[in-house]
Amino acid sequence: MKLYVYLLGFIAYALSVYSCKNENDELSETSLANISGIEVYWVRNTHSELQNIYSLAFTGANIGWFNVTTREIKLKNIKLDPNRFPVNSKLEFRIKDCPLFITSSFVTNINSQVFLDLVLFYDIIEDKYYLDDCYPNTKAIKNTAEVQQRIFERTTHWEVFINTLKAEKKLRQ
């Protein structure tokens, strides 16, 4: 009986290791050299508030360019499929393991919620991604005290992100 329990445990462990390996296969096959050290992770909440699960979504090598004016971020060699990555997932932007900022959500055109913090917005009609300060990105929402406070709190890390992309010649205006 013990052998049966150990065998089942081993099979469960082997399957979990195999499934974790395959979770990021799309990224590892398409990744290029990540010179900047920019890494963006999906943050999945667990039942414990003290522990989250992080999985690599894309790196600086997958950023073709970023438009400072429109906040469009052009990704290359990867597509963040809302069907694969759940809408309302958070993304943490890091440079060389140093957290910069975290989005409150990954949203699309069909999302009907209001978010008063940074979001990664995917326009499913135009097939474009944007880092917006709120969703929907309207003047009425963007000018609220809460959104303005969060923009202010993010300023230093936002500048590090922009300067890193500028050094790599990945900025558009």
N, C-alpha and C. Protein backbone atom coordinates (compact mmCIF):
# COMPACT_ATOMS: atom_id res chain seq x y z
N MET A 1 0.83 -1.20 0.00
CA MET A 1 0.00 0.00 0.00
C MET A 1 0.87 1.26 0.00
N LYS A 2 1.96 1.26 0.80
CA LYS A 2 2.84 2.41 0.84
C LYS A 2 3.47 2.68 -0.51
N LEU A 3 3.82 1.60 -1.22
CA LEU A 3 4.42 1.76 -2.55
C LEU A 3 3.44 2.45 -3.49
N TYR A 4 2.17 2.10 -3.39
CA TYR A 4 1.13 2.71 -4.22
C TYR A 4 1.03 4.22 -3.93
N VAL A 5 1.06 4.61 -2.66
CA VAL A 5 0.97 6.01 -2.27
C VAL A 5 2.20 6.78 -2.76
N TYR A 6 3.40 6.18 -2.61
CA TYR A 6 4.61 6.83 -3.09
C TYR A 6 4.60 6.98 -4.60
N LEU A 7 4.10 5.98 -5.31
CA LEU A 7 4.03 6.03 -6.77
C LEU A 7 3.08 7.14 -7.21
N LEU A 8 1.93 7.26 -6.57
CA LEU A 8 0.99 8.33 -6.91
C LEU A 8 1.60 9.70 -6.61
N GLY A 9 2.31 9.81 -5.48
CA GLY A 9 2.98 11.06 -5.14
C GLY A 9 4.02 11.45 -6.17
N PHE A 10 4.80 10.48 -6.61
CA PHE A 10 5.82 10.74 -7.63
C PHE A 10 5.18 11.18 -8.95
N ILE A 11 4.11 10.53 -9.36
CA ILE A 11 3.43 10.90 -10.60
C ILE A 11 2.88 12.32 -10.50
N ALA A 12 2.28 12.67 -9.37
CA ALA A 12 1.75 14.03 -9.18
C ALA A 12 2.87 15.06 -9.24
N TYR A 13 4.00 14.75 -8.59
CA TYR A 13 5.15 15.66 -8.62
C TYR A 13 5.68 15.82 -10.04
N ALA A 14 5.82 14.71 -10.76
CA ALA A 14 6.35 14.76 -12.12
C ALA A 14 5.43 15.58 -13.03
N LEU A 15 4.13 15.41 -12.89
CA LEU A 15 3.18 16.18 -13.70
C LEU A 15 3.25 17.67 -13.38
N SER A 16 3.40 18.01 -12.10
CA SER A 16 3.47 19.43 -11.73
C SER A 16 4.73 20.07 -12.27
N VAL A 17 5.86 19.36 -12.22
CA VAL A 17 7.11 19.90 -12.77
C VAL A 17 6.98 20.07 -14.27
N TYR A 18 6.40 19.09 -14.95
CA TYR A 18 6.23 19.16 -16.40
C TYR A 18 5.32 20.32 -16.78
N SER A 19 4.20 20.51 -16.04
CA SER A 19 3.28 21.59 -16.38
C SER A 19 3.90 22.95 -16.12
N CYS A 20 4.73 23.09 -15.08
CA CYS A 20 5.41 24.36 -14.83
C CYS A 20 6.40 24.65 -15.95
N LYS A 21 7.09 23.65 -16.43
CA LYS A 21 8.05 23.82 -17.51
C LYS A 21 7.34 24.33 -18.76
N ASN A 22 6.18 23.80 -19.06
CA ASN A 22 5.46 24.18 -20.27
C ASN A 22 4.77 25.53 -20.16
N GLU A 23 4.55 26.02 -18.95
CA GLU A 23 3.82 27.26 -18.76
C GLU A 23 4.50 28.43 -19.46
N ASN A 24 5.81 28.47 -19.48
CA ASN A 24 6.54 29.58 -20.08
C ASN A 24 7.21 29.22 -21.39
N ASP A 25 6.84 28.10 -22.02
CA ASP A 25 7.48 27.68 -23.26
C ASP A 25 7.33 28.72 -24.35
N GLU A 26 6.14 29.36 -24.44
CA GLU A 26 5.91 30.36 -25.48
C GLU A 26 6.93 31.48 -25.38
N LEU A 27 7.22 31.91 -24.17
CA LEU A 27 8.18 32.99 -23.97
C LEU A 27 9.59 32.53 -24.25
N SER A 28 9.99 31.38 -23.73
CA SER A 28 11.38 30.96 -23.86
C SER A 28 11.75 30.71 -25.32
N GLU A 29 10.81 30.29 -26.13
CA GLU A 29 11.10 30.05 -27.54
C GLU A 29 11.26 31.36 -28.31
N THR A 30 10.65 32.43 -27.84
CA THR A 30 10.65 33.68 -28.60
C THR A 30 11.54 34.74 -27.99
N SER A 31 12.08 34.51 -26.81
CA SER A 31 12.87 35.53 -26.14
C SER A 31 14.20 35.77 -26.83
N LEU A 32 14.60 37.02 -26.80
CA LEU A 32 15.90 37.43 -27.31
C LEU A 32 16.74 37.82 -26.10
N ALA A 33 17.91 38.32 -26.32
CA ALA A 33 18.74 38.76 -25.20
C ALA A 33 18.06 39.91 -24.48
N ASN A 34 17.99 39.84 -23.18
CA ASN A 34 17.34 40.86 -22.37
C ASN A 34 18.41 41.77 -21.79
N ILE A 35 18.90 42.69 -22.60
CA ILE A 35 20.00 43.57 -22.21
C ILE A 35 19.60 44.48 -21.06
N SER A 36 18.42 45.05 -21.11
CA SER A 36 17.99 46.04 -20.12
C SER A 36 17.73 45.44 -18.75
N GLY A 37 17.42 44.18 -18.70
CA GLY A 37 17.05 43.58 -17.44
C GLY A 37 15.58 43.77 -17.11
N ILE A 38 14.81 44.38 -18.03
CA ILE A 38 13.37 44.55 -17.79
C ILE A 38 12.71 43.18 -17.85
N GLU A 39 11.93 42.89 -16.83
CA GLU A 39 11.14 41.67 -16.81
C GLU A 39 9.74 42.03 -16.31
N VAL A 40 8.75 41.41 -16.92
CA VAL A 40 7.36 41.66 -16.53
C VAL A 40 6.75 40.31 -16.16
N TYR A 41 6.21 40.24 -14.95
CA TYR A 41 5.68 38.99 -14.41
C TYR A 41 4.17 39.08 -14.20
N TRP A 42 3.46 37.99 -14.55
CA TRP A 42 2.07 37.85 -14.15
C TRP A 42 2.07 37.58 -12.66
N VAL A 43 1.22 38.22 -11.93
CA VAL A 43 1.10 38.00 -10.49
C VAL A 43 -0.23 37.32 -10.24
N ARG A 44 -0.17 36.11 -9.77
CA ARG A 44 -1.39 35.36 -9.47
C ARG A 44 -1.54 35.29 -7.96
N ASN A 45 -2.69 35.70 -7.48
CA ASN A 45 -2.95 35.66 -6.04
C ASN A 45 -3.19 34.23 -5.59
N THR A 46 -2.73 33.95 -4.39
CA THR A 46 -3.02 32.66 -3.77
C THR A 46 -4.00 32.92 -2.63
N HIS A 47 -4.37 31.90 -1.95
CA HIS A 47 -5.28 32.06 -0.82
C HIS A 47 -4.61 32.79 0.33
N SER A 48 -3.30 32.74 0.37
CA SER A 48 -2.54 33.42 1.41
C SER A 48 -2.16 34.82 0.92
N GLU A 49 -2.39 35.82 1.75
CA GLU A 49 -2.03 37.19 1.38
C GLU A 49 -0.52 37.38 1.36
N LEU A 50 0.21 36.48 1.98
CA LEU A 50 1.65 36.62 2.07
C LEU A 50 2.39 36.01 0.89
N GLN A 51 1.69 35.28 0.03
CA GLN A 51 2.37 34.59 -1.05
C GLN A 51 1.62 34.77 -2.35
N ASN A 52 2.34 35.19 -3.38
CA ASN A 52 1.80 35.26 -4.73
C ASN A 52 2.63 34.36 -5.62
N ILE A 53 2.07 33.97 -6.74
CA ILE A 53 2.78 33.16 -7.72
C ILE A 53 3.16 34.08 -8.87
N TYR A 54 4.45 34.10 -9.23
CA TYR A 54 4.94 34.94 -10.30
C TYR A 54 5.36 34.07 -11.48
N SER A 55 4.92 34.44 -12.68
CA SER A 55 5.40 33.74 -13.88
C SER A 55 5.74 34.80 -14.93
N LEU A 56 6.85 34.58 -15.61
CA LEU A 56 7.36 35.55 -16.57
C LEU A 56 6.39 35.73 -17.73
N ALA A 57 5.98 36.97 -17.99
CA ALA A 57 5.09 37.28 -19.11
C ALA A 57 5.90 37.69 -20.33
N PHE A 58 6.83 38.64 -20.15
CA PHE A 58 7.73 39.04 -21.22
C PHE A 58 8.90 39.80 -20.64
N THR A 59 9.91 40.05 -21.46
CA THR A 59 11.10 40.76 -21.01
C THR A 59 11.31 42.01 -21.87
N GLY A 60 12.34 42.77 -21.53
CA GLY A 60 12.68 43.95 -22.33
C GLY A 60 12.99 43.61 -23.77
N ALA A 61 13.46 42.40 -24.01
CA ALA A 61 13.74 41.97 -25.39
C ALA A 61 12.47 41.87 -26.21
N ASN A 62 11.32 41.67 -25.56
CA ASN A 62 10.05 41.59 -26.26
C ASN A 62 9.39 42.95 -26.47
N ILE A 63 10.00 44.01 -25.94
CA ILE A 63 9.47 45.35 -26.15
C ILE A 63 10.10 45.93 -27.40
N GLY A 64 9.29 46.10 -28.43
CA GLY A 64 9.80 46.70 -29.67
C GLY A 64 10.02 48.18 -29.48
N TRP A 65 9.02 48.87 -28.90
CA TRP A 65 9.12 50.28 -28.60
C TRP A 65 7.99 50.68 -27.67
N PHE A 66 8.14 51.86 -27.09
CA PHE A 66 7.13 52.43 -26.21
C PHE A 66 6.93 53.88 -26.62
N ASN A 67 5.68 54.28 -26.84
CA ASN A 67 5.35 55.65 -27.21
C ASN A 67 4.98 56.41 -25.94
N VAL A 68 5.81 57.39 -25.58
CA VAL A 68 5.61 58.14 -24.35
C VAL A 68 4.30 58.94 -24.38
N THR A 69 3.93 59.44 -25.55
CA THR A 69 2.73 60.27 -25.67
C THR A 69 1.45 59.45 -25.57
N THR A 70 1.34 58.40 -26.38
CA THR A 70 0.11 57.60 -26.40
C THR A 70 0.13 56.48 -25.37
N ARG A 71 1.32 56.16 -24.83
CA ARG A 71 1.54 55.08 -23.86
C ARG A 71 1.37 53.69 -24.49
N GLU A 72 1.42 53.64 -25.84
CA GLU A 72 1.35 52.34 -26.51
C GLU A 72 2.68 51.61 -26.32
N ILE A 73 2.58 50.33 -26.01
CA ILE A 73 3.77 49.49 -25.87
C ILE A 73 3.68 48.40 -26.93
N LYS A 74 4.63 48.41 -27.84
CA LYS A 74 4.65 47.45 -28.94
C LYS A 74 5.45 46.23 -28.52
N LEU A 75 4.78 45.09 -28.47
CA LEU A 75 5.44 43.84 -28.11
C LEU A 75 5.79 43.08 -29.38
N LYS A 76 6.95 42.44 -29.35
CA LYS A 76 7.36 41.64 -30.50
C LYS A 76 7.65 40.21 -30.05
N ASN A 77 7.39 39.30 -30.93
CA ASN A 77 7.63 37.87 -30.70
C ASN A 77 6.80 37.28 -29.56
N ILE A 78 5.76 37.97 -29.16
CA ILE A 78 4.89 37.44 -28.11
C ILE A 78 3.54 38.16 -28.19
N LYS A 79 2.50 37.43 -27.85
CA LYS A 79 1.16 38.02 -27.80
C LYS A 79 0.55 37.63 -26.46
N LEU A 80 0.08 38.62 -25.74
CA LEU A 80 -0.57 38.37 -24.46
C LEU A 80 -2.04 38.10 -24.73
N ASP A 81 -2.36 36.86 -24.87
CA ASP A 81 -3.71 36.43 -25.22
C ASP A 81 -4.60 36.48 -23.98
N PRO A 82 -5.67 37.30 -24.01
CA PRO A 82 -6.55 37.39 -22.85
C PRO A 82 -7.20 36.05 -22.49
N ASN A 83 -7.27 35.14 -23.45
CA ASN A 83 -7.83 33.82 -23.15
C ASN A 83 -6.84 32.95 -22.38
N ARG A 84 -5.55 33.20 -22.58
CA ARG A 84 -4.52 32.42 -21.86
C ARG A 84 -4.16 33.08 -20.53
N PHE A 85 -4.09 34.40 -20.55
CA PHE A 85 -3.79 35.16 -19.34
C PHE A 85 -5.05 35.87 -18.92
N PRO A 86 -5.61 35.54 -17.78
CA PRO A 86 -6.91 36.08 -17.41
C PRO A 86 -6.95 37.60 -17.32
N VAL A 87 -8.04 38.13 -17.81
CA VAL A 87 -8.31 39.56 -17.63
C VAL A 87 -8.37 39.79 -16.12
N ASN A 88 -7.97 40.95 -15.68
CA ASN A 88 -7.86 41.34 -14.27
C ASN A 88 -6.62 40.77 -13.59
N SER A 89 -5.72 40.17 -14.37
CA SER A 89 -4.44 39.73 -13.81
C SER A 89 -3.55 40.94 -13.62
N LYS A 90 -2.73 40.90 -12.61
CA LYS A 90 -1.78 41.98 -12.37
C LYS A 90 -0.45 41.64 -13.03
N LEU A 91 0.28 42.67 -13.41
CA LEU A 91 1.62 42.50 -13.98
C LEU A 91 2.60 43.35 -13.19
N GLU A 92 3.72 42.75 -12.80
CA GLU A 92 4.75 43.50 -12.09
C GLU A 92 5.92 43.75 -13.02
N PHE A 93 6.28 45.02 -13.19
CA PHE A 93 7.42 45.42 -14.01
C PHE A 93 8.63 45.53 -13.11
N ARG A 94 9.74 44.89 -13.52
CA ARG A 94 10.97 44.91 -12.73
C ARG A 94 12.15 45.23 -13.65
N ILE A 95 13.20 45.74 -13.05
CA ILE A 95 14.48 45.87 -13.74
C ILE A 95 15.51 45.20 -12.84
N LYS A 96 16.13 44.17 -13.38
CA LYS A 96 17.15 43.41 -12.65
C LYS A 96 16.69 43.05 -11.24
N ASP A 97 15.53 42.43 -11.15
CA ASP A 97 14.93 41.96 -9.89
C ASP A 97 14.51 43.06 -8.93
N CYS A 98 14.54 44.31 -9.37
CA CYS A 98 14.08 45.42 -8.54
C CYS A 98 12.68 45.84 -9.02
N PRO A 99 11.66 45.67 -8.19
CA PRO A 99 10.30 46.03 -8.62
C PRO A 99 10.18 47.53 -8.94
N LEU A 100 9.56 47.83 -10.08
CA LEU A 100 9.31 49.22 -10.46
C LEU A 100 7.87 49.61 -10.13
N PHE A 101 6.94 48.92 -10.75
CA PHE A 101 5.52 49.19 -10.51
C PHE A 101 4.72 47.96 -10.89
N ILE A 102 3.48 47.95 -10.45
CA ILE A 102 2.59 46.83 -10.73
C ILE A 102 1.29 47.38 -11.29
N THR A 103 0.78 46.74 -12.33
CA THR A 103 -0.50 47.17 -12.87
C THR A 103 -1.61 46.64 -11.97
N SER A 104 -2.69 47.38 -11.92
CA SER A 104 -3.83 46.91 -11.13
C SER A 104 -4.60 45.83 -11.86
N SER A 105 -4.42 45.80 -13.22
CA SER A 105 -5.17 44.82 -14.00
C SER A 105 -4.68 44.77 -15.44
N PHE A 106 -5.03 43.69 -16.12
CA PHE A 106 -4.87 43.52 -17.56
C PHE A 106 -6.28 43.55 -18.11
N VAL A 107 -6.63 44.59 -18.87
CA VAL A 107 -8.01 44.78 -19.32
C VAL A 107 -8.09 44.87 -20.84
N THR A 108 -9.29 44.64 -21.34
CA THR A 108 -9.57 44.77 -22.77
C THR A 108 -10.76 45.71 -22.97
N ASN A 109 -11.10 45.94 -24.23
CA ASN A 109 -12.22 46.82 -24.58
C ASN A 109 -13.54 46.37 -23.96
N ILE A 110 -13.68 45.10 -23.73
CA ILE A 110 -14.97 44.60 -23.25
C ILE A 110 -15.08 44.62 -21.73
N ASN A 111 -14.07 45.14 -21.05
CA ASN A 111 -14.11 45.23 -19.60
C ASN A 111 -15.01 46.38 -19.19
N SER A 112 -15.89 46.15 -18.24
CA SER A 112 -16.83 47.20 -17.83
C SER A 112 -16.50 47.78 -16.46
N GLN A 113 -15.41 47.33 -15.84
CA GLN A 113 -15.03 47.85 -14.54
C GLN A 113 -14.22 49.14 -14.69
N VAL A 114 -14.17 49.90 -13.61
CA VAL A 114 -13.34 51.10 -13.56
C VAL A 114 -12.13 50.78 -12.68
N PHE A 115 -10.94 51.13 -13.16
CA PHE A 115 -9.71 50.93 -12.40
C PHE A 115 -9.04 52.29 -12.21
N LEU A 116 -8.72 52.61 -10.98
CA LEU A 116 -8.14 53.92 -10.65
C LEU A 116 -6.62 53.84 -10.47
N ASP A 117 -6.01 52.88 -11.11
CA ASP A 117 -4.56 52.72 -11.05
C ASP A 117 -4.08 52.18 -12.40
N LEU A 118 -2.77 52.09 -12.55
CA LEU A 118 -2.14 51.67 -13.79
C LEU A 118 -2.70 50.34 -14.28
N VAL A 119 -3.00 50.26 -15.57
CA VAL A 119 -3.47 49.02 -16.19
C VAL A 119 -2.68 48.76 -17.47
N LEU A 120 -2.59 47.50 -17.85
CA LEU A 120 -2.14 47.15 -19.19
C LEU A 120 -3.41 46.92 -19.97
N PHE A 121 -3.69 47.82 -20.91
CA PHE A 121 -4.92 47.77 -21.70
C PHE A 121 -4.61 47.16 -23.06
N TYR A 122 -5.38 46.15 -23.43
CA TYR A 122 -5.25 45.52 -24.74
C TYR A 122 -6.46 45.89 -25.58
N ASP A 123 -6.22 46.66 -26.64
CA ASP A 123 -7.29 47.04 -27.57
C ASP A 123 -7.47 45.89 -28.54
N ILE A 124 -8.54 45.12 -28.35
CA ILE A 124 -8.73 43.92 -29.16
C ILE A 124 -9.12 44.26 -30.60
N ILE A 125 -9.63 45.46 -30.83
CA ILE A 125 -10.00 45.86 -32.18
C ILE A 125 -8.75 46.24 -32.99
N GLU A 126 -7.88 47.04 -32.40
CA GLU A 126 -6.66 47.49 -33.10
C GLU A 126 -5.46 46.58 -32.84
N ASP A 127 -5.60 45.61 -31.96
CA ASP A 127 -4.51 44.69 -31.59
C ASP A 127 -3.29 45.47 -31.10
N LYS A 128 -3.53 46.35 -30.10
CA LYS A 128 -2.48 47.18 -29.52
C LYS A 128 -2.56 47.14 -28.00
N TYR A 129 -1.40 47.34 -27.36
CA TYR A 129 -1.30 47.37 -25.91
C TYR A 129 -0.94 48.78 -25.44
N TYR A 130 -1.48 49.17 -24.29
CA TYR A 130 -1.21 50.49 -23.72
C TYR A 130 -1.00 50.36 -22.21
N LEU A 131 -0.09 51.13 -21.68
CA LEU A 131 0.06 51.26 -20.23
C LEU A 131 -0.66 52.55 -19.84
N ASP A 132 -1.88 52.42 -19.39
CA ASP A 132 -2.71 53.57 -19.04
C ASP A 132 -2.77 53.76 -17.53
N ASP A 133 -2.88 55.02 -17.11
CA ASP A 133 -2.93 55.35 -15.68
C ASP A 133 -4.23 54.94 -15.01
N CYS A 134 -5.26 54.66 -15.81
CA CYS A 134 -6.55 54.24 -15.29
C CYS A 134 -7.34 53.61 -16.43
N TYR A 135 -8.46 53.00 -16.09
CA TYR A 135 -9.35 52.46 -17.12
C TYR A 135 -10.78 52.70 -16.68
N PRO A 136 -11.62 53.21 -17.58
CA PRO A 136 -11.26 53.72 -18.90
C PRO A 136 -10.43 55.00 -18.78
N ASN A 137 -9.60 55.22 -19.76
CA ASN A 137 -8.67 56.35 -19.73
C ASN A 137 -9.38 57.61 -20.23
N THR A 138 -10.17 58.20 -19.34
CA THR A 138 -10.89 59.43 -19.67
C THR A 138 -10.36 60.55 -18.77
N LYS A 139 -10.56 61.79 -19.20
CA LYS A 139 -10.10 62.93 -18.39
C LYS A 139 -10.80 62.95 -17.03
N ALA A 140 -12.08 62.63 -17.01
CA ALA A 140 -12.84 62.66 -15.76
C ALA A 140 -12.24 61.71 -14.73
N ILE A 141 -11.86 60.53 -15.15
CA ILE A 141 -11.28 59.56 -14.22
C ILE A 141 -9.82 59.89 -13.94
N LYS A 142 -9.07 60.23 -14.99
CA LYS A 142 -7.64 60.49 -14.82
C LYS A 142 -7.38 61.69 -13.92
N ASN A 143 -8.29 62.66 -13.88
CA ASN A 143 -8.10 63.87 -13.07
C ASN A 143 -8.58 63.73 -11.63
N THR A 144 -9.05 62.55 -11.24
CA THR A 144 -9.47 62.37 -9.84
C THR A 144 -8.24 62.41 -8.93
N ALA A 145 -8.44 62.81 -7.71
CA ALA A 145 -7.35 62.91 -6.74
C ALA A 145 -6.66 61.56 -6.53
N GLU A 146 -7.43 60.49 -6.50
CA GLU A 146 -6.87 59.16 -6.26
C GLU A 146 -5.92 58.74 -7.40
N VAL A 147 -6.34 58.94 -8.64
CA VAL A 147 -5.49 58.59 -9.78
C VAL A 147 -4.26 59.48 -9.82
N GLN A 148 -4.42 60.77 -9.58
CA GLN A 148 -3.29 61.69 -9.59
C GLN A 148 -2.27 61.34 -8.50
N GLN A 149 -2.75 60.92 -7.34
CA GLN A 149 -1.85 60.51 -6.25
C GLN A 149 -1.04 59.29 -6.65
N ARG A 150 -1.67 58.33 -7.30
CA ARG A 150 -0.97 57.11 -7.72
C ARG A 150 0.04 57.40 -8.82
N ILE A 151 -0.30 58.32 -9.71
CA ILE A 151 0.66 58.74 -10.75
C ILE A 151 1.88 59.36 -10.09
N PHE A 152 1.64 60.22 -9.11
CA PHE A 152 2.73 60.88 -8.39
C PHE A 152 3.62 59.85 -7.67
N GLU A 153 3.00 58.88 -7.01
CA GLU A 153 3.75 57.86 -6.28
C GLU A 153 4.61 57.00 -7.21
N ARG A 154 4.20 56.87 -8.45
CA ARG A 154 4.89 56.03 -9.43
C ARG A 154 5.95 56.79 -10.21
N THR A 155 6.05 58.10 -10.05
CA THR A 155 6.89 58.95 -10.88
C THR A 155 8.35 58.50 -10.96
N THR A 156 8.97 58.27 -9.85
CA THR A 156 10.40 57.91 -9.83
C THR A 156 10.65 56.61 -10.59
N HIS A 157 9.85 55.59 -10.29
CA HIS A 157 10.03 54.30 -10.96
C HIS A 157 9.63 54.37 -12.43
N TRP A 158 8.65 55.20 -12.75
CA TRP A 158 8.25 55.39 -14.14
C TRP A 158 9.41 55.99 -14.93
N GLU A 159 10.09 56.97 -14.34
CA GLU A 159 11.24 57.60 -15.00
C GLU A 159 12.37 56.60 -15.23
N VAL A 160 12.60 55.70 -14.30
CA VAL A 160 13.61 54.65 -14.48
C VAL A 160 13.23 53.77 -15.67
N PHE A 161 11.97 53.40 -15.76
CA PHE A 161 11.47 52.58 -16.87
C PHE A 161 11.68 53.31 -18.20
N ILE A 162 11.29 54.58 -18.26
CA ILE A 162 11.42 55.38 -19.49
C ILE A 162 12.89 55.56 -19.85
N ASN A 163 13.72 55.88 -18.89
CA ASN A 163 15.16 56.08 -19.17
C ASN A 163 15.83 54.80 -19.64
N THR A 164 15.40 53.67 -19.11
CA THR A 164 15.95 52.39 -19.56
C THR A 164 15.58 52.14 -21.01
N LEU A 165 14.33 52.38 -21.36
CA LEU A 165 13.91 52.20 -22.75
C LEU A 165 14.59 53.22 -23.67
N LYS A 166 14.80 54.44 -23.17
CA LYS A 166 15.48 55.47 -23.95
C LYS A 166 16.92 55.04 -24.24
N ALA A 167 17.62 54.50 -23.25
CA ALA A 167 18.99 54.05 -23.43
C ALA A 167 19.08 52.95 -24.48
N GLU A 168 18.02 52.17 -24.63
CA GLU A 168 17.98 51.09 -25.63
C GLU A 168 17.41 51.56 -26.96
N LYS A 169 17.10 52.86 -27.05
CA LYS A 169 16.51 53.43 -28.27
C LYS A 169 15.18 52.76 -28.62
N LYS A 170 14.36 52.59 -27.58
CA LYS A 170 13.05 51.96 -27.76
C LYS A 170 11.91 52.94 -27.45
N LEU A 171 12.19 54.23 -27.47
CA LEU A 171 11.15 55.23 -27.21
C LEU A 171 10.68 55.87 -28.50
N ARG A 172 9.39 56.13 -28.55
CA ARG A 172 8.78 56.90 -29.63
C ARG A 172 8.02 58.05 -29.00
N GLN A 173 7.86 59.12 -29.78
CA GLN A 173 7.10 60.26 -29.24
C GLN A 173 6.10 60.76 -30.21
